[in-house]
């Protein structure tokens, strides 16, 4: 028998009409089916990958970094009504070769990308399959809980990808000081040690100032050179570089800054990378890896980390808006003078 909390029949949702315009309309509040949960959304974070939805429009309600409280559970679902938690973006099948090995971010039978293929977290309610819901400790505010997703999840996974190749990482370069870059910085400090030097390069001074506050060595690309900044810190290069910019120039600068055995991890989607295989890879035994989102089972470690380091991680969130402020939130976010921006319900 389906357990249902008292919820309205309809809800007001933002409509991404295209050309950077947010309108509002009504949708029915969905009902959870077998093995599904209805979440009362409490927060959803803006992401650079929302750009095409904001400018080109979409019929789907976006929002892929959602946190909320279980408002109803469909038949067979075991999560109690009232449980707070976050939503893993990718609805993985749990049965394919990748899923059975834990690589849920590489599921071969993926059923949804919440916020893209299915309605996401900018509406007051959303339905998800129970397997992608991760319960969080009630002591963690649900706005801050969104950092378990693209910030800690994606950032930490990129570092772990590098560790597969380079087991003795002593220095890090991050290309791009946007929210994902700040997440990589934070996770580098938490996973590799606070003393690990982390260089962060960007053109946006607001974000570089925030990165420096969080322990980075900032590199202002408008008037500086990343190799010179590394030399001034007493190093000849860095062991790993993580590109969150998606820009050819950023990736090239990151690759050029690597030590021998260095690893470039590409996180940001976008442009190309040009390689001279003999010099860039073979002679130096460097590696270039891709890193896509993160694995569901990484949430457990990150949940422990956020409970211990919440004040530090909370610095990444710089702006909060209500559901009627999505237009203003995106306009500010895409100008660049923000860290993570959250829509709170």
C-alpha atoms as a PDB file:
ATOM      1  CA  UNK A   1       0.000   0.000   0.000  1.00  0.00           C
ATOM      2  CA  UNK A   2       1.364   3.425  -0.939  1.00  0.00           C
ATOM      3  CA  UNK A   3       2.180   5.721   1.976  1.00  0.00           C
ATOM      4  CA  UNK A   4       1.310   9.323   1.079  1.00  0.00           C
ATOM      5  CA  UNK A   5       1.884  12.521   3.039  1.00  0.00           C
ATOM      6  CA  UNK A   6      -0.607  15.330   2.548  1.00  0.00           C
ATOM      7  CA  UNK A   7       0.667  17.079  -0.571  1.00  0.00           C
ATOM      8  CA  UNK A   8      -1.049  19.455  -2.973  1.00  0.00           C
ATOM      9  CA  UNK A   9      -2.491  18.308  -6.270  1.00  0.00           C
ATOM     10  CA  UNK A  10      -0.628  20.917  -8.314  1.00  0.00           C
ATOM     11  CA  UNK A  11       2.572  22.924  -7.940  1.00  0.00           C
ATOM     12  CA  UNK A  12       4.097  26.074  -9.385  1.00  0.00           C
ATOM     13  CA  UNK A  13       7.267  25.317 -11.364  1.00  0.00           C
ATOM     14  CA  UNK A  14       9.768  27.441 -13.280  1.00  0.00           C
ATOM     15  CA  UNK A  15       9.480  27.145 -17.059  1.00  0.00           C
ATOM     16  CA  UNK A  16      12.774  27.491 -18.922  1.00  0.00           C
ATOM     17  CA  UNK A  17      11.370  29.231 -21.991  1.00  0.00           C
ATOM     18  CA  UNK A  18      14.678  29.834 -23.768  1.00  0.00           C
ATOM     19  CA  UNK A  19      16.711  32.966 -24.511  1.00  0.00           C
ATOM     20  CA  UNK A  20      17.567  33.195 -20.819  1.00  0.00           C
ATOM     21  CA  UNK A  21      13.964  33.722 -19.697  1.00  0.00           C
ATOM     22  CA  UNK A  22      12.302  32.031 -16.718  1.00  0.00           C
ATOM     23  CA  UNK A  23       8.524  31.951 -16.614  1.00  0.00           C
ATOM     24  CA  UNK A  24       6.231  30.126 -14.201  1.00  0.00           C
ATOM     25  CA  UNK A  25       3.406  27.670 -14.685  1.00  0.00           C
ATOM     26  CA  UNK A  26       1.521  24.809 -13.066  1.00  0.00           C
ATOM     27  CA  UNK A  27       2.166  21.077 -13.153  1.00  0.00           C
ATOM     28  CA  UNK A  28       0.479  18.230 -11.315  1.00  0.00           C
ATOM     29  CA  UNK A  29       2.410  17.014  -8.282  1.00  0.00           C
ATOM     30  CA  UNK A  30       3.678  13.580  -9.378  1.00  0.00           C
ATOM     31  CA  UNK A  31       2.855  10.442  -7.434  1.00  0.00           C
ATOM     32  CA  UNK A  32       5.486   7.792  -6.712  1.00  0.00           C
ATOM     33  CA  UNK A  33       5.131   4.433  -8.426  1.00  0.00           C
ATOM     34  CA  UNK A  34       6.586   1.099  -7.309  1.00  0.00           C
ATOM     35  CA  UNK A  35      10.050   1.545  -5.820  1.00  0.00           C
ATOM     36  CA  UNK A  36       9.851   5.310  -6.112  1.00  0.00           C
ATOM     37  CA  UNK A  37       9.961   8.250  -3.712  1.00  0.00           C
ATOM     38  CA  UNK A  38       8.250  11.613  -3.842  1.00  0.00           C
ATOM     39  CA  UNK A  39      10.597  14.275  -2.509  1.00  0.00           C
ATOM     40  CA  UNK A  40       9.609  17.641  -1.167  1.00  0.00           C
ATOM     41  CA  UNK A  41      12.543  19.584  -2.559  1.00  0.00           C
ATOM     42  CA  UNK A  42      14.308  21.900  -0.136  1.00  0.00           C
ATOM     43  CA  UNK A  43      17.311  23.055  -2.186  1.00  0.00           C
ATOM     44  CA  UNK A  44      18.839  22.753  -5.634  1.00  0.00           C
ATOM     45  CA  UNK A  45      22.189  24.129  -6.761  1.00  0.00           C
ATOM     46  CA  UNK A  46      22.866  25.911 -10.041  1.00  0.00           C
ATOM     47  CA  UNK A  47      25.429  24.294 -12.341  1.00  0.00           C
ATOM     48  CA  UNK A  48      27.285  25.378 -15.456  1.00  0.00           C
ATOM     49  CA  UNK A  49      25.822  22.409 -17.302  1.00  0.00           C
ATOM     50  CA  UNK A  50      22.405  24.109 -16.979  1.00  0.00           C
ATOM     51  CA  UNK A  51      23.559  26.722 -19.502  1.00  0.00           C
ATOM     52  CA  UNK A  52      21.889  25.146 -22.526  1.00  0.00           C
ATOM     53  CA  UNK A  53      18.604  24.715 -20.641  1.00  0.00           C
ATOM     54  CA  UNK A  54      18.651  28.361 -19.541  1.00  0.00           C
ATOM     55  CA  UNK A  55      19.465  29.782 -22.974  1.00  0.00           C
ATOM     56  CA  UNK A  56      17.875  27.215 -25.293  1.00  0.00           C
ATOM     57  CA  UNK A  57      14.884  26.239 -23.165  1.00  0.00           C
ATOM     58  CA  UNK A  58      13.517  22.839 -22.147  1.00  0.00           C
ATOM     59  CA  UNK A  59      10.157  21.225 -21.485  1.00  0.00           C
ATOM     60  CA  UNK A  60      11.658  19.407 -18.516  1.00  0.00           C
ATOM     61  CA  UNK A  61      11.867  21.094 -15.115  1.00  0.00           C
ATOM     62  CA  UNK A  62      15.652  21.345 -14.628  1.00  0.00           C
ATOM     63  CA  UNK A  63      17.653  20.891 -11.451  1.00  0.00           C
ATOM     64  CA  UNK A  64      20.134  18.045 -10.989  1.00  0.00           C
ATOM     65  CA  UNK A  65      21.681  18.898  -7.612  1.00  0.00           C
ATOM     66  CA  UNK A  66      18.664  18.408  -5.393  1.00  0.00           C
ATOM     67  CA  UNK A  67      18.113  17.790  -1.708  1.00  0.00           C
ATOM     68  CA  UNK A  68      14.823  17.246   0.018  1.00  0.00           C
ATOM     69  CA  UNK A  69      12.637  15.270   2.375  1.00  0.00           C
ATOM     70  CA  UNK A  70      10.719  12.123   1.481  1.00  0.00           C
ATOM     71  CA  UNK A  71       7.055  13.123   1.313  1.00  0.00           C
ATOM     72  CA  UNK A  72       5.668   9.809   0.037  1.00  0.00           C
ATOM     73  CA  UNK A  73       6.912   6.305  -0.735  1.00  0.00           C
ATOM     74  CA  UNK A  74       5.548   4.116  -3.492  1.00  0.00           C
ATOM     75  CA  UNK A  75       4.834   0.380  -3.190  1.00  0.00           C
ATOM     76  CA  UNK A  76       7.941  -1.582  -2.286  1.00  0.00           C
ATOM     77  CA  UNK A  77      10.001   1.470  -1.324  1.00  0.00           C
ATOM     78  CA  UNK A  78      11.653   1.126   2.079  1.00  0.00           C
ATOM     79  CA  UNK A  79      12.703   4.696   2.867  1.00  0.00           C
ATOM     80  CA  UNK A  80      10.620   6.266   5.628  1.00  0.00           C
ATOM     81  CA  UNK A  81       8.555   9.366   4.987  1.00  0.00           C
ATOM     82  CA  UNK A  82      10.365  12.316   6.551  1.00  0.00           C
ATOM     83  CA  UNK A  83      13.869  11.101   5.658  1.00  0.00           C
ATOM     84  CA  UNK A  84      16.164  13.912   4.433  1.00  0.00           C
ATOM     85  CA  UNK A  85      18.561  13.232   1.593  1.00  0.00           C
ATOM     86  CA  UNK A  86      20.035  14.077  -1.798  1.00  0.00           C
ATOM     87  CA  UNK A  87      19.474  12.782  -5.330  1.00  0.00           C
ATOM     88  CA  UNK A  88      22.206  11.096  -7.370  1.00  0.00           C
ATOM     89  CA  UNK A  89      21.870  12.499 -10.887  1.00  0.00           C
ATOM     90  CA  UNK A  90      22.057   9.237 -12.830  1.00  0.00           C
ATOM     91  CA  UNK A  91      19.356   6.615 -12.377  1.00  0.00           C
ATOM     92  CA  UNK A  92      21.574   3.559 -12.705  1.00  0.00           C
ATOM     93  CA  UNK A  93      20.145   0.120 -13.411  1.00  0.00           C
ATOM     94  CA  UNK A  94      22.143  -1.789 -10.775  1.00  0.00           C
ATOM     95  CA  UNK A  95      22.335  -4.871 -13.017  1.00  0.00           C
ATOM     96  CA  UNK A  96      24.810  -4.138 -15.807  1.00  0.00           C
ATOM     97  CA  UNK A  97      28.516  -4.935 -15.792  1.00  0.00           C
ATOM     98  CA  UNK A  98      29.446  -1.386 -14.738  1.00  0.00           C
ATOM     99  CA  UNK A  99      26.924  -1.209 -11.895  1.00  0.00           C
ATOM    100  CA  UNK A 100      27.912  -4.582 -10.487  1.00  0.00           C
ATOM    101  CA  UNK A 101      31.489  -3.307 -10.226  1.00  0.00           C
ATOM    102  CA  UNK A 102      30.349  -0.085  -8.552  1.00  0.00           C
ATOM    103  CA  UNK A 103      30.777   2.140 -11.627  1.00  0.00           C
ATOM    104  CA  UNK A 104      27.270   3.552 -11.396  1.00  0.00           C
ATOM    105  CA  UNK A 105      28.380   6.689 -13.241  1.00  0.00           C
ATOM    106  CA  UNK A 106      29.090   4.454 -16.241  1.00  0.00           C
ATOM    107  CA  UNK A 107      25.827   2.495 -16.157  1.00  0.00           C
ATOM    108  CA  UNK A 108      25.092   0.716 -19.420  1.00  0.00           C
ATOM    109  CA  UNK A 109      21.336   0.745 -18.812  1.00  0.00           C
ATOM    110  CA  UNK A 110      20.847   4.234 -17.380  1.00  0.00           C
ATOM    111  CA  UNK A 111      17.165   5.081 -16.948  1.00  0.00           C
ATOM    112  CA  UNK A 112      17.264   8.815 -16.259  1.00  0.00           C
ATOM    113  CA  UNK A 113      19.348  11.928 -15.761  1.00  0.00           C
ATOM    114  CA  UNK A 114      17.222  13.820 -13.256  1.00  0.00           C
ATOM    115  CA  UNK A 115      16.812  17.444 -14.246  1.00  0.00           C
ATOM    116  CA  UNK A 116      17.563  16.658 -17.875  1.00  0.00           C
ATOM    117  CA  UNK A 117      15.532  13.667 -19.072  1.00  0.00           C
ATOM    118  CA  UNK A 118      13.122  13.762 -16.113  1.00  0.00           C
ATOM    119  CA  UNK A 119      11.811  16.632 -13.993  1.00  0.00           C
ATOM    120  CA  UNK A 120      14.343  17.794 -11.438  1.00  0.00           C
ATOM    121  CA  UNK A 121      14.794  19.886  -8.357  1.00  0.00           C
ATOM    122  CA  UNK A 122      13.549  23.365  -9.289  1.00  0.00           C
ATOM    123  CA  UNK A 123       9.984  22.243  -8.712  1.00  0.00           C
ATOM    124  CA  UNK A 124       8.610  21.903  -5.171  1.00  0.00           C
ATOM    125  CA  UNK A 125       8.291  18.125  -5.626  1.00  0.00           C
ATOM    126  CA  UNK A 126      10.064  15.509  -7.728  1.00  0.00           C
ATOM    127  CA  UNK A 127       9.802  11.741  -8.095  1.00  0.00           C
ATOM    128  CA  UNK A 128      12.931   9.571  -8.154  1.00  0.00           C
ATOM    129  CA  UNK A 129      13.663   5.881  -8.083  1.00  0.00           C
ATOM    130  CA  UNK A 130      14.678   4.923  -4.563  1.00  0.00           C
ATOM    131  CA  UNK A 131      18.101   3.621  -5.605  1.00  0.00           C
ATOM    132  CA  UNK A 132      19.361   7.144  -6.386  1.00  0.00           C
ATOM    133  CA  UNK A 133      18.260   8.645  -3.065  1.00  0.00           C
ATOM    134  CA  UNK A 134      20.955   8.985  -0.407  1.00  0.00           C
ATOM    135  CA  UNK A 135      19.795   9.694   3.145  1.00  0.00           C
ATOM    136  CA  UNK A 136      21.752  12.340   5.048  1.00  0.00           C
ATOM    137  CA  UNK A 137      22.184  13.032   8.726  1.00  0.00           C
ATOM    138  CA  UNK A 138      19.500  15.487   9.928  1.00  0.00           C
ATOM    139  CA  UNK A 139      22.264  17.642  11.415  1.00  0.00           C
ATOM    140  CA  UNK A 140      23.357  18.652   7.890  1.00  0.00           C
ATOM    141  CA  UNK A 141      21.292  21.561   6.548  1.00  0.00           C
ATOM    142  CA  UNK A 142      19.716  20.542   3.260  1.00  0.00           C
ATOM    143  CA  UNK A 143      21.170  23.538   1.425  1.00  0.00           C
ATOM    144  CA  UNK A 144      24.659  22.434   2.424  1.00  0.00           C
ATOM    145  CA  UNK A 145      23.783  18.797   1.685  1.00  0.00           C
ATOM    146  CA  UNK A 146      23.684  19.638  -2.033  1.00  0.00           C
ATOM    147  CA  UNK A 147      27.491  19.874  -1.864  1.00  0.00           C
ATOM    148  CA  UNK A 148      27.603  16.084  -1.574  1.00  0.00           C
ATOM    149  CA  UNK A 149      26.767  16.003  -5.284  1.00  0.00           C
ATOM    150  CA  UNK A 150      28.631  18.023  -7.912  1.00  0.00           C
ATOM    151  CA  UNK A 151      30.957  19.736  -5.430  1.00  0.00           C
ATOM    152  CA  UNK A 152      32.300  16.916  -3.264  1.00  0.00           C
ATOM    153  CA  UNK A 153      31.255  14.033  -5.501  1.00  0.00           C
ATOM    154  CA  UNK A 154      32.651  15.252  -8.802  1.00  0.00           C
ATOM    155  CA  UNK A 155      35.668  16.920  -7.184  1.00  0.00           C
ATOM    156  CA  UNK A 156      36.623  13.903  -5.103  1.00  0.00           C
ATOM    157  CA  UNK A 157      36.109  11.444  -7.946  1.00  0.00           C
ATOM    158  CA  UNK A 158      38.540  13.373 -10.166  1.00  0.00           C
ATOM    159  CA  UNK A 159      41.227  13.144  -7.493  1.00  0.00           C
ATOM    160  CA  UNK A 160      40.607   9.426  -7.030  1.00  0.00           C
ATOM    161  CA  UNK A 161      40.907   8.938 -10.781  1.00  0.00           C
ATOM    162  CA  UNK A 162      44.347  10.562 -10.646  1.00  0.00           C
ATOM    163  CA  UNK A 163      45.353   8.361  -7.710  1.00  0.00           C
ATOM    164  CA  UNK A 164      44.795   5.272  -9.851  1.00  0.00           C
ATOM    165  CA  UNK A 165      47.865   6.318 -11.833  1.00  0.00           C
ATOM    166  CA  UNK A 166      49.841   8.470  -9.387  1.00  0.00           C
ATOM    167  CA  UNK A 167      49.972   7.098  -5.858  1.00  0.00           C
ATOM    168  CA  UNK A 168      52.231   9.765  -4.340  1.00  0.00           C
ATOM    169  CA  UNK A 169      50.530  13.038  -5.210  1.00  0.00           C
ATOM    170  CA  UNK A 170      52.332  15.985  -3.664  1.00  0.00           C
ATOM    171  CA  UNK A 171      50.924  18.936  -5.581  1.00  0.00           C
ATOM    172  CA  UNK A 172      47.807  19.862  -7.534  1.00  0.00           C
ATOM    173  CA  UNK A 173      46.812  22.382 -10.198  1.00  0.00           C
ATOM    174  CA  UNK A 174      43.158  23.192 -10.844  1.00  0.00           C
ATOM    175  CA  UNK A 175      42.196  24.900 -14.101  1.00  0.00           C
ATOM    176  CA  UNK A 176      39.079  26.953 -13.386  1.00  0.00           C
ATOM    177  CA  UNK A 177      37.895  28.415 -10.069  1.00  0.00           C
ATOM    178  CA  UNK A 178      34.183  27.916 -10.640  1.00  0.00           C
ATOM    179  CA  UNK A 179      32.127  25.771  -8.254  1.00  0.00           C
ATOM    180  CA  UNK A 180      33.571  22.491  -9.559  1.00  0.00           C
ATOM    181  CA  UNK A 181      37.097  23.873  -9.359  1.00  0.00           C
ATOM    182  CA  UNK A 182      36.434  24.988  -5.782  1.00  0.00           C
ATOM    183  CA  UNK A 183      35.098  21.502  -5.084  1.00  0.00           C
ATOM    184  CA  UNK A 184      38.296  19.943  -6.438  1.00  0.00           C
ATOM    185  CA  UNK A 185      40.325  22.320  -4.261  1.00  0.00           C
ATOM    186  CA  UNK A 186      38.341  21.423  -1.150  1.00  0.00           C
ATOM    187  CA  UNK A 187      38.504  17.685  -1.782  1.00  0.00           C
ATOM    188  CA  UNK A 188      42.232  17.871  -2.518  1.00  0.00           C
ATOM    189  CA  UNK A 189      42.756  19.411   0.900  1.00  0.00           C
ATOM    190  CA  UNK A 190      40.503  16.834   2.605  1.00  0.00           C
ATOM    191  CA  UNK A 191      41.748  13.737   0.754  1.00  0.00           C
ATOM    192  CA  UNK A 192      45.429  14.562   0.177  1.00  0.00           C
ATOM    193  CA  UNK A 193      46.152  16.671   3.247  1.00  0.00           C
ATOM    194  CA  UNK A 194      45.788  20.307   4.163  1.00  0.00           C
ATOM    195  CA  UNK A 195      49.497  20.879   3.549  1.00  0.00           C
ATOM    196  CA  UNK A 196      49.267  19.816  -0.109  1.00  0.00           C
ATOM    197  CA  UNK A 197      49.854  22.860  -2.336  1.00  0.00           C
ATOM    198  CA  UNK A 198      46.900  23.431  -4.655  1.00  0.00           C
ATOM    199  CA  UNK A 199      47.272  26.029  -7.408  1.00  0.00           C
ATOM    200  CA  UNK A 200      44.022  27.381  -8.858  1.00  0.00           C
ATOM    201  CA  UNK A 201      44.076  29.400 -12.068  1.00  0.00           C
ATOM    202  CA  UNK A 202      41.322  31.598 -13.479  1.00  0.00           C
ATOM    203  CA  UNK A 203      40.526  35.082 -14.801  1.00  0.00           C
ATOM    204  CA  UNK A 204      37.667  35.838 -12.374  1.00  0.00           C
ATOM    205  CA  UNK A 205      39.134  37.596  -9.349  1.00  0.00           C
ATOM    206  CA  UNK A 206      36.072  36.969  -7.162  1.00  0.00           C
ATOM    207  CA  UNK A 207      36.528  33.231  -7.486  1.00  0.00           C
ATOM    208  CA  UNK A 208      40.301  33.392  -7.069  1.00  0.00           C
ATOM    209  CA  UNK A 209      39.843  35.335  -3.833  1.00  0.00           C
ATOM    210  CA  UNK A 210      37.472  32.643  -2.584  1.00  0.00           C
ATOM    211  CA  UNK A 211      39.916  29.907  -3.613  1.00  0.00           C
ATOM    212  CA  UNK A 212      42.725  31.658  -1.720  1.00  0.00           C
ATOM    213  CA  UNK A 213      40.505  31.921   1.348  1.00  0.00           C
ATOM    214  CA  UNK A 214      40.023  28.146   1.124  1.00  0.00           C
ATOM    215  CA  UNK A 215      43.753  27.479   1.052  1.00  0.00           C
ATOM    216  CA  UNK A 216      44.687  27.662  -2.633  1.00  0.00           C
ATOM    217  CA  UNK A 217      47.602  29.422  -4.280  1.00  0.00           C
ATOM    218  CA  UNK A 218      45.701  31.642  -6.754  1.00  0.00           C
ATOM    219  CA  UNK A 219      46.990  32.281 -10.263  1.00  0.00           C
ATOM    220  CA  UNK A 220      45.420  35.276 -12.024  1.00  0.00           C
ATOM    221  CA  UNK A 221      45.734  34.444 -15.703  1.00  0.00           C
ATOM    222  CA  UNK A 222      45.027  38.011 -16.823  1.00  0.00           C
ATOM    223  CA  UNK A 223      48.480  39.061 -15.741  1.00  0.00           C
ATOM    224  CA  UNK A 224      50.242  35.943 -14.546  1.00  0.00           C
ATOM    225  CA  UNK A 225      51.777  32.708 -15.689  1.00  0.00           C
ATOM    226  CA  UNK A 226      51.004  29.391 -14.054  1.00  0.00           C
ATOM    227  CA  UNK A 227      54.503  27.974 -14.535  1.00  0.00           C
ATOM    228  CA  UNK A 228      56.016  31.056 -12.905  1.00  0.00           C
ATOM    229  CA  UNK A 229      53.588  30.775  -9.967  1.00  0.00           C
ATOM    230  CA  UNK A 230      54.613  27.151  -9.501  1.00  0.00           C
ATOM    231  CA  UNK A 231      58.304  28.091  -9.602  1.00  0.00           C
ATOM    232  CA  UNK A 232      57.749  30.881  -7.077  1.00  0.00           C
ATOM    233  CA  UNK A 233      56.300  28.280  -4.727  1.00  0.00           C
ATOM    234  CA  UNK A 234      59.536  26.302  -4.981  1.00  0.00           C
ATOM    235  CA  UNK A 235      58.256  23.568  -7.288  1.00  0.00           C
ATOM    236  CA  UNK A 236      59.277  22.561 -10.793  1.00  0.00           C
ATOM    237  CA  UNK A 237      55.794  21.360 -11.725  1.00  0.00           C
ATOM    238  CA  UNK A 238      52.726  19.659 -10.313  1.00  0.00           C
ATOM    239  CA  UNK A 239      51.905  15.988  -9.922  1.00  0.00           C
ATOM    240  CA  UNK A 240      48.289  16.223 -11.051  1.00  0.00           C
ATOM    241  CA  UNK A 241      46.278  18.814 -12.894  1.00  0.00           C
ATOM    242  CA  UNK A 242      42.499  18.793 -13.011  1.00  0.00           C
ATOM    243  CA  UNK A 243      40.753  20.783 -15.718  1.00  0.00           C
ATOM    244  CA  UNK A 244      37.282  22.019 -14.832  1.00  0.00           C
ATOM    245  CA  UNK A 245      37.230  24.779 -17.451  1.00  0.00           C
ATOM    246  CA  UNK A 246      36.564  22.666 -20.538  1.00  0.00           C
ATOM    247  CA  UNK A 247      38.750  25.103 -22.468  1.00  0.00           C
ATOM    248  CA  UNK A 248      41.588  24.087 -24.776  1.00  0.00           C
ATOM    249  CA  UNK A 249      43.876  26.772 -23.350  1.00  0.00           C
ATOM    250  CA  UNK A 250      43.206  25.642 -19.779  1.00  0.00           C
ATOM    251  CA  UNK A 251      43.846  21.997 -20.588  1.00  0.00           C
ATOM    252  CA  UNK A 252      47.032  22.836 -22.490  1.00  0.00           C
ATOM    253  CA  UNK A 253      48.395  24.974 -19.652  1.00  0.00           C
ATOM    254  CA  UNK A 254      47.565  22.226 -17.172  1.00  0.00           C
ATOM    255  CA  UNK A 255      49.290  19.578 -19.268  1.00  0.00           C
ATOM    256  CA  UNK A 256      52.386  21.739 -19.719  1.00  0.00           C
ATOM    257  CA  UNK A 257      52.677  22.254 -15.951  1.00  0.00           C
ATOM    258  CA  UNK A 258      52.873  18.528 -15.137  1.00  0.00           C
ATOM    259  CA  UNK A 259      55.900  16.809 -13.684  1.00  0.00           C
ATOM    260  CA  UNK A 260      57.112  13.509 -15.046  1.00  0.00           C
ATOM    261  CA  UNK A 261      54.510  10.809 -14.239  1.00  0.00           C
ATOM    262  CA  UNK A 262      51.988  13.622 -13.949  1.00  0.00           C
ATOM    263  CA  UNK A 263      48.295  13.108 -14.575  1.00  0.00           C
ATOM    264  CA  UNK A 264      45.854  15.446 -16.311  1.00  0.00           C
ATOM    265  CA  UNK A 265      42.233  14.728 -15.411  1.00  0.00           C
ATOM    266  CA  UNK A 266      39.598  16.328 -17.647  1.00  0.00           C
ATOM    267  CA  UNK A 267      36.358  17.066 -15.792  1.00  0.00           C
ATOM    268  CA  UNK A 268      34.934  20.008 -17.715  1.00  0.00           C
ATOM    269  CA  UNK A 269      33.123  19.161 -20.935  1.00  0.00           C
ATOM    270  CA  UNK A 270      33.855  21.356 -23.923  1.00  0.00           C
ATOM    271  CA  UNK A 271      36.784  21.912 -26.212  1.00  0.00           C
ATOM    272  CA  UNK A 272      39.639  19.732 -27.430  1.00  0.00           C
ATOM    273  CA  UNK A 273      43.109  18.887 -26.156  1.00  0.00           C
ATOM    274  CA  UNK A 274      46.082  18.789 -28.518  1.00  0.00           C
ATOM    275  CA  UNK A 275      48.838  16.294 -27.700  1.00  0.00           C
ATOM    276  CA  UNK A 276      52.350  15.633 -28.898  1.00  0.00           C
ATOM    277  CA  UNK A 277      52.331  11.983 -27.978  1.00  0.00           C
ATOM    278  CA  UNK A 278      56.087  11.433 -27.774  1.00  0.00           C
ATOM    279  CA  UNK A 279      56.910  14.511 -25.704  1.00  0.00           C
ATOM    280  CA  UNK A 280      53.699  14.948 -23.748  1.00  0.00           C
ATOM    281  CA  UNK A 281      53.042  11.298 -22.899  1.00  0.00           C
ATOM    282  CA  UNK A 282      55.660   8.710 -23.771  1.00  0.00           C
ATOM    283  CA  UNK A 283      58.918  10.318 -22.652  1.00  0.00           C
ATOM    284  CA  UNK A 284      57.427  11.705 -19.444  1.00  0.00           C
ATOM    285  CA  UNK A 285      55.041   8.810 -18.737  1.00  0.00           C
ATOM    286  CA  UNK A 286      52.228  11.273 -18.182  1.00  0.00           C
ATOM    287  CA  UNK A 287      48.605  10.220 -18.386  1.00  0.00           C
ATOM    288  CA  UNK A 288      45.417  11.928 -19.508  1.00  0.00           C
ATOM    289  CA  UNK A 289      42.161  10.718 -17.963  1.00  0.00           C
ATOM    290  CA  UNK A 290      38.507  11.612 -18.133  1.00  0.00           C
ATOM    291  CA  UNK A 291      36.324  11.864 -15.037  1.00  0.00           C
ATOM    292  CA  UNK A 292      32.521  11.820 -15.244  1.00  0.00           C
ATOM    293  CA  UNK A 293      30.450  12.791 -12.174  1.00  0.00           C
ATOM    294  CA  UNK A 294      31.099  10.160  -9.460  1.00  0.00           C
ATOM    295  CA  UNK A 295      30.039   6.755  -8.204  1.00  0.00           C
ATOM    296  CA  UNK A 296      27.036   6.415  -5.901  1.00  0.00           C
ATOM    297  CA  UNK A 297      29.051   4.546  -3.263  1.00  0.00           C
ATOM    298  CA  UNK A 298      31.385   7.556  -2.896  1.00  0.00           C
ATOM    299  CA  UNK A 299      28.565   9.386  -1.121  1.00  0.00           C
ATOM    300  CA  UNK A 300      29.224   7.458   2.090  1.00  0.00           C
ATOM    301  CA  UNK A 301      32.786   8.762   2.538  1.00  0.00           C
ATOM    302  CA  UNK A 302      31.782  12.267   1.491  1.00  0.00           C
ATOM    303  CA  UNK A 303      28.914  12.179   3.987  1.00  0.00           C
ATOM    304  CA  UNK A 304      31.431  11.522   6.767  1.00  0.00           C
ATOM    305  CA  UNK A 305      33.671  14.295   5.458  1.00  0.00           C
ATOM    306  CA  UNK A 306      30.922  16.925   5.296  1.00  0.00           C
ATOM    307  CA  UNK A 307      29.916  16.209   8.886  1.00  0.00           C
ATOM    308  CA  UNK A 308      33.509  16.836  10.018  1.00  0.00           C
ATOM    309  CA  UNK A 309      34.292  19.780   7.755  1.00  0.00           C
ATOM    310  CA  UNK A 310      30.972  21.563   7.237  1.00  0.00           C
ATOM    311  CA  UNK A 311      32.204  25.119   8.051  1.00  0.00           C
ATOM    312  CA  UNK A 312      35.101  24.785   5.595  1.00  0.00           C
ATOM    313  CA  UNK A 313      32.968  23.364   2.788  1.00  0.00           C
ATOM    314  CA  UNK A 314      30.152  25.850   3.388  1.00  0.00           C
ATOM    315  CA  UNK A 315      32.401  28.661   2.139  1.00  0.00           C
ATOM    316  CA  UNK A 316      31.758  27.438  -1.411  1.00  0.00           C
ATOM    317  CA  UNK A 317      28.091  28.509  -1.152  1.00  0.00           C
ATOM    318  CA  UNK A 318      28.017  32.259  -1.703  1.00  0.00           C
ATOM    319  CA  UNK A 319      24.455  33.076  -2.813  1.00  0.00           C
ATOM    320  CA  UNK A 320      20.986  31.787  -1.907  1.00  0.00           C
ATOM    321  CA  UNK A 321      17.691  32.600  -3.607  1.00  0.00           C
ATOM    322  CA  UNK A 322      14.076  31.626  -3.211  1.00  0.00           C
ATOM    323  CA  UNK A 323      12.168  29.882  -6.018  1.00  0.00           C
ATOM    324  CA  UNK A 324      11.042  33.243  -7.420  1.00  0.00           C
ATOM    325  CA  UNK A 325      14.667  34.337  -7.815  1.00  0.00           C
ATOM    326  CA  UNK A 326      15.884  31.778 -10.374  1.00  0.00           C
ATOM    327  CA  UNK A 327      16.132  34.381 -13.161  1.00  0.00           C
ATOM    328  CA  UNK A 328      18.351  36.673 -11.087  1.00  0.00           C
ATOM    329  CA  UNK A 329      20.348  33.722  -9.765  1.00  0.00           C
ATOM    330  CA  UNK A 330      21.288  32.479 -13.238  1.00  0.00           C
ATOM    331  CA  UNK A 331      22.122  35.936 -14.549  1.00  0.00           C
ATOM    332  CA  UNK A 332      24.521  36.495 -11.663  1.00  0.00           C
ATOM    333  CA  UNK A 333      25.934  32.960 -11.825  1.00  0.00           C
ATOM    334  CA  UNK A 334      26.820  33.163 -15.504  1.00  0.00           C
ATOM    335  CA  UNK A 335      28.588  36.498 -14.969  1.00  0.00           C
ATOM    336  CA  UNK A 336      31.031  34.589 -12.769  1.00  0.00           C
ATOM    337  CA  UNK A 337      31.115  36.576  -9.531  1.00  0.00           C
ATOM    338  CA  UNK A 338      29.803  33.735  -7.379  1.00  0.00           C
ATOM    339  CA  UNK A 339      30.747  30.476  -5.818  1.00  0.00           C
ATOM    340  CA  UNK A 340      27.940  27.931  -5.605  1.00  0.00           C
ATOM    341  CA  UNK A 341      24.451  29.414  -5.945  1.00  0.00           C
ATOM    342  CA  UNK A 342      21.498  27.619  -4.343  1.00  0.00           C
ATOM    343  CA  UNK A 343      17.742  27.886  -4.881  1.00  0.00           C
ATOM    344  CA  UNK A 344      16.007  27.188  -1.574  1.00  0.00           C
ATOM    345  CA  UNK A 345      12.348  26.159  -1.357  1.00  0.00           C
END
